[in-house]
Amino acid sequence: MRAMRAPAMGGWTRWIWAVGFAEGTAVHAWYLLQGGLHAYRGEPPVVQLWFQALLLLDPLVVLLALRRAPAAAWLGAVVMLGDLAANWWVCWADLLRHPAAYARPYGLSAITAFGLFVLVTAVPLRRAFTGSGVLPREAARPVG
């Protein structure tokens, strides 16, 4: 029974990943279009570099996930860990001053929810993409 879940999870999970990382690409592209190379001015230099690197890393995760490449799982998890760390770092002081302002279904709360989803599903997604522990489709079909 458990072996049957991995391929199904790989199907729907990769689409959620693709949409989420594509949305991240769009947001970072929008900031770059609005502010140029100084879009994240005022943030620590490492955060500025990371947010600009996401313009390459986010679409790479989308491409790898859609192609069912096992590397998508690890790259996606690393990208989301970095994105979560950077966003929480940037928002932390304001979050402490105005916590209610962050109780909304977008921004930091949405990034956090998606990040947790990515981290929780990374290992099962990798298993689904590699086929480890999964019965071949022919063996899974009922005979007769």
C-alpha atoms as a PDB file:
ATOM      1  CA  MET A   1       0.000   0.000   0.000  1.00  0.00           C
ATOM      2  CA  ARG A   2       2.755   2.448   0.950  1.00  0.00           C
ATOM      3  CA  ALA A   3       4.670   1.787  -2.275  1.00  0.00           C
ATOM      4  CA  MET A   4       1.682   2.932  -4.278  1.00  0.00           C
ATOM      5  CA  ARG A   5       1.622   6.369  -2.637  1.00  0.00           C
ATOM      6  CA  ALA A   6       5.053   7.543  -3.793  1.00  0.00           C
ATOM      7  CA  PRO A   7       4.191   7.867  -7.502  1.00  0.00           C
ATOM      8  CA  ALA A   8       0.895   9.589  -6.724  1.00  0.00           C
ATOM      9  CA  MET A   9       2.612  12.018  -4.393  1.00  0.00           C
ATOM     10  CA  GLY A  10       5.255  12.732  -6.990  1.00  0.00           C
ATOM     11  CA  GLY A  11       2.481  13.690  -9.380  1.00  0.00           C
ATOM     12  CA  TRP A  12       0.605  16.268  -7.367  1.00  0.00           C
ATOM     13  CA  THR A  13       3.510  17.437  -5.237  1.00  0.00           C
ATOM     14  CA  ARG A  14       5.687  18.347  -8.195  1.00  0.00           C
ATOM     15  CA  TRP A  15       2.923  20.568  -9.579  1.00  0.00           C
ATOM     16  CA  ILE A  16       2.545  22.390  -6.275  1.00  0.00           C
ATOM     17  CA  TRP A  17       6.317  22.824  -6.185  1.00  0.00           C
ATOM     18  CA  ALA A  18       6.339  24.076  -9.784  1.00  0.00           C
ATOM     19  CA  VAL A  19       3.623  26.659  -9.106  1.00  0.00           C
ATOM     20  CA  GLY A  20       5.218  27.803  -5.838  1.00  0.00           C
ATOM     21  CA  PHE A  21       8.734  28.167  -7.208  1.00  0.00           C
ATOM     22  CA  ALA A  22       7.389  29.833 -10.382  1.00  0.00           C
ATOM     23  CA  GLU A  23       5.553  32.343  -8.200  1.00  0.00           C
ATOM     24  CA  GLY A  24       8.795  32.980  -6.321  1.00  0.00           C
ATOM     25  CA  THR A  25      10.555  33.572  -9.632  1.00  0.00           C
ATOM     26  CA  ALA A  26       7.878  36.053 -10.650  1.00  0.00           C
ATOM     27  CA  VAL A  27       8.078  37.955  -7.364  1.00  0.00           C
ATOM     28  CA  HIS A  28      11.865  38.257  -7.481  1.00  0.00           C
ATOM     29  CA  ALA A  29      11.732  39.258 -11.161  1.00  0.00           C
ATOM     30  CA  TRP A  30       9.137  41.912 -10.308  1.00  0.00           C
ATOM     31  CA  TYR A  31      11.370  43.369  -7.592  1.00  0.00           C
ATOM     32  CA  LEU A  32      14.308  43.396  -9.976  1.00  0.00           C
ATOM     33  CA  LEU A  33      12.243  45.148 -12.657  1.00  0.00           C
ATOM     34  CA  GLN A  34      11.058  47.725 -10.121  1.00  0.00           C
ATOM     35  CA  GLY A  35      14.350  48.426  -8.365  1.00  0.00           C
ATOM     36  CA  GLY A  36      17.062  47.130 -10.648  1.00  0.00           C
ATOM     37  CA  LEU A  37      20.172  45.661  -9.074  1.00  0.00           C
ATOM     38  CA  HIS A  38      19.438  47.706  -5.954  1.00  0.00           C
ATOM     39  CA  ALA A  39      15.960  46.223  -5.463  1.00  0.00           C
ATOM     40  CA  TYR A  40      16.882  44.921  -2.031  1.00  0.00           C
ATOM     41  CA  ARG A  41      18.870  47.952  -0.904  1.00  0.00           C
ATOM     42  CA  GLY A  42      18.971  48.214   2.846  1.00  0.00           C
ATOM     43  CA  GLU A  43      19.132  44.475   3.358  1.00  0.00           C
ATOM     44  CA  PRO A  44      22.360  42.719   4.326  1.00  0.00           C
ATOM     45  CA  PRO A  45      24.541  42.053   1.255  1.00  0.00           C
ATOM     46  CA  VAL A  46      24.220  38.285   1.635  1.00  0.00           C
ATOM     47  CA  VAL A  47      20.407  38.599   1.524  1.00  0.00           C
ATOM     48  CA  GLN A  48      20.607  40.847  -1.534  1.00  0.00           C
ATOM     49  CA  LEU A  49      22.761  38.298  -3.331  1.00  0.00           C
ATOM     50  CA  TRP A  50      20.527  35.399  -2.281  1.00  0.00           C
ATOM     51  CA  PHE A  51      17.326  37.075  -3.482  1.00  0.00           C
ATOM     52  CA  GLN A  52      18.950  37.800  -6.838  1.00  0.00           C
ATOM     53  CA  ALA A  53      20.312  34.248  -7.082  1.00  0.00           C
ATOM     54  CA  LEU A  54      16.740  33.023  -6.667  1.00  0.00           C
ATOM     55  CA  LEU A  55      16.046  34.377 -10.148  1.00  0.00           C
ATOM     56  CA  LEU A  56      18.137  31.444 -11.382  1.00  0.00           C
ATOM     57  CA  LEU A  57      17.532  28.880  -8.661  1.00  0.00           C
ATOM     58  CA  ASP A  58      13.715  29.052  -8.488  1.00  0.00           C
ATOM     59  CA  PRO A  59      13.152  28.360 -12.204  1.00  0.00           C
ATOM     60  CA  LEU A  60      15.797  25.620 -12.062  1.00  0.00           C
ATOM     61  CA  VAL A  61      13.768  23.879  -9.345  1.00  0.00           C
ATOM     62  CA  VAL A  62      10.625  24.255 -11.498  1.00  0.00           C
ATOM     63  CA  LEU A  63      12.370  22.710 -14.491  1.00  0.00           C
ATOM     64  CA  LEU A  64      13.861  19.844 -12.493  1.00  0.00           C
ATOM     65  CA  ALA A  65      10.560  19.109 -10.727  1.00  0.00           C
ATOM     66  CA  LEU A  66       8.600  19.061 -13.964  1.00  0.00           C
ATOM     67  CA  ARG A  67      11.176  16.703 -15.480  1.00  0.00           C
ATOM     68  CA  ARG A  68      10.968  14.488 -12.372  1.00  0.00           C
ATOM     69  CA  ALA A  69      14.694  14.861 -11.727  1.00  0.00           C
ATOM     70  CA  PRO A  70      15.627  13.565  -8.248  1.00  0.00           C
ATOM     71  CA  ALA A  71      17.906  16.593  -7.768  1.00  0.00           C
ATOM     72  CA  ALA A  72      14.781  18.791  -7.656  1.00  0.00           C
ATOM     73  CA  ALA A  73      13.968  17.553  -4.169  1.00  0.00           C
ATOM     74  CA  TRP A  74      17.321  18.458  -2.614  1.00  0.00           C
ATOM     75  CA  LEU A  75      17.743  21.705  -4.535  1.00  0.00           C
ATOM     76  CA  GLY A  76      14.190  22.770  -3.686  1.00  0.00           C
ATOM     77  CA  ALA A  77      14.732  22.046   0.005  1.00  0.00           C
ATOM     78  CA  VAL A  78      18.015  24.003   0.073  1.00  0.00           C
ATOM     79  CA  VAL A  79      16.491  26.920  -1.821  1.00  0.00           C
ATOM     80  CA  MET A  80      13.525  27.070   0.550  1.00  0.00           C
ATOM     81  CA  LEU A  81      15.734  26.836   3.646  1.00  0.00           C
ATOM     82  CA  GLY A  82      17.735  29.782   2.330  1.00  0.00           C
ATOM     83  CA  ASP A  83      14.618  31.705   1.327  1.00  0.00           C
ATOM     84  CA  LEU A  84      12.974  31.132   4.700  1.00  0.00           C
ATOM     85  CA  ALA A  85      16.114  32.146   6.578  1.00  0.00           C
ATOM     86  CA  ALA A  86      16.543  35.315   4.507  1.00  0.00           C
ATOM     87  CA  ASN A  87      12.899  36.366   4.743  1.00  0.00           C
ATOM     88  CA  TRP A  88      12.660  35.731   8.475  1.00  0.00           C
ATOM     89  CA  TRP A  89      15.951  37.583   9.011  1.00  0.00           C
ATOM     90  CA  VAL A  90      14.695  40.588   7.056  1.00  0.00           C
ATOM     91  CA  CYS A  91      11.268  40.639   8.739  1.00  0.00           C
ATOM     92  CA  TRP A  92      12.243  39.643  12.280  1.00  0.00           C
ATOM     93  CA  ALA A  93      12.495  43.107  13.903  1.00  0.00           C
ATOM     94  CA  ASP A  94       9.259  44.305  12.313  1.00  0.00           C
ATOM     95  CA  LEU A  95       7.544  41.033  13.206  1.00  0.00           C
ATOM     96  CA  LEU A  96       8.420  41.600  16.870  1.00  0.00           C
ATOM     97  CA  ARG A  97       7.062  45.167  16.739  1.00  0.00           C
ATOM     98  CA  HIS A  98       3.886  44.405  14.743  1.00  0.00           C
ATOM     99  CA  PRO A  99       3.088  40.677  14.934  1.00  0.00           C
ATOM    100  CA  ALA A 100      -0.545  41.121  13.859  1.00  0.00           C
ATOM    101  CA  ALA A 101       0.613  42.667  10.584  1.00  0.00           C
ATOM    102  CA  TYR A 102       2.044  39.270   9.616  1.00  0.00           C
ATOM    103  CA  ALA A 103      -1.192  37.349  10.245  1.00  0.00           C
ATOM    104  CA  ARG A 104      -2.265  37.500   6.625  1.00  0.00           C
ATOM    105  CA  PRO A 105      -2.398  34.909   3.839  1.00  0.00           C
ATOM    106  CA  TYR A 106       0.475  36.404   1.849  1.00  0.00           C
ATOM    107  CA  GLY A 107       4.026  37.537   2.404  1.00  0.00           C
ATOM    108  CA  LEU A 108       5.984  35.897   5.196  1.00  0.00           C
ATOM    109  CA  SER A 109       3.167  33.562   6.273  1.00  0.00           C
ATOM    110  CA  ALA A 110       2.689  32.240   2.715  1.00  0.00           C
ATOM    111  CA  ILE A 111       6.435  31.806   2.207  1.00  0.00           C
ATOM    112  CA  THR A 112       6.638  29.968   5.530  1.00  0.00           C
ATOM    113  CA  ALA A 113       3.706  27.669   4.707  1.00  0.00           C
ATOM    114  CA  PHE A 114       5.127  26.829   1.286  1.00  0.00           C
ATOM    115  CA  GLY A 115       8.603  26.379   2.750  1.00  0.00           C
ATOM    116  CA  LEU A 116       7.326  23.911   5.343  1.00  0.00           C
ATOM    117  CA  PHE A 117       5.423  22.044   2.624  1.00  0.00           C
ATOM    118  CA  VAL A 118       8.607  21.798   0.536  1.00  0.00           C
ATOM    119  CA  LEU A 119      10.662  20.576   3.489  1.00  0.00           C
ATOM    120  CA  VAL A 120       8.070  17.979   4.518  1.00  0.00           C
ATOM    121  CA  THR A 121       7.625  16.634   0.983  1.00  0.00           C
ATOM    122  CA  ALA A 122      11.252  16.728  -0.222  1.00  0.00           C
ATOM    123  CA  VAL A 123      12.191  13.170   0.802  1.00  0.00           C
ATOM    124  CA  PRO A 124       8.954  11.549  -0.450  1.00  0.00           C
ATOM    125  CA  LEU A 125       9.266  13.513  -3.694  1.00  0.00           C
ATOM    126  CA  ARG A 126      12.822  12.288  -4.188  1.00  0.00           C
ATOM    127  CA  ARG A 127      11.664   8.732  -3.560  1.00  0.00           C
ATOM    128  CA  ALA A 128       8.869   9.152  -6.080  1.00  0.00           C
ATOM    129  CA  PHE A 129      11.299  10.512  -8.682  1.00  0.00           C
ATOM    130  CA  THR A 130      13.873   7.765  -8.151  1.00  0.00           C
ATOM    131  CA  GLY A 131      11.311   5.013  -7.852  1.00  0.00           C
ATOM    132  CA  SER A 132      13.042   3.570  -4.789  1.00  0.00           C
ATOM    133  CA  GLY A 133      10.751   1.242  -2.930  1.00  0.00           C
ATOM    134  CA  VAL A 134       8.036   1.498  -5.550  1.00  0.00           C
ATOM    135  CA  LEU A 135       6.503  -1.408  -7.400  1.00  0.00           C
ATOM    136  CA  PRO A 136       6.657  -1.171 -11.185  1.00  0.00           C
ATOM    137  CA  ARG A 137       3.319  -0.124 -12.699  1.00  0.00           C
ATOM    138  CA  GLU A 138       2.870  -3.531 -14.348  1.00  0.00           C
ATOM    139  CA  ALA A 139       3.267  -5.332 -11.014  1.00  0.00           C
ATOM    140  CA  ALA A 140       0.811  -2.970  -9.344  1.00  0.00           C
ATOM    141  CA  ARG A 141      -2.058  -3.706 -11.760  1.00  0.00           C
ATOM    142  CA  PRO A 142      -4.514  -6.419 -10.864  1.00  0.00           C
ATOM    143  CA  VAL A 143      -4.144  -9.564 -12.945  1.00  0.00           C
ATOM    144  CA  GLY A 144      -7.118 -10.806 -14.940  1.00  0.00           C
END
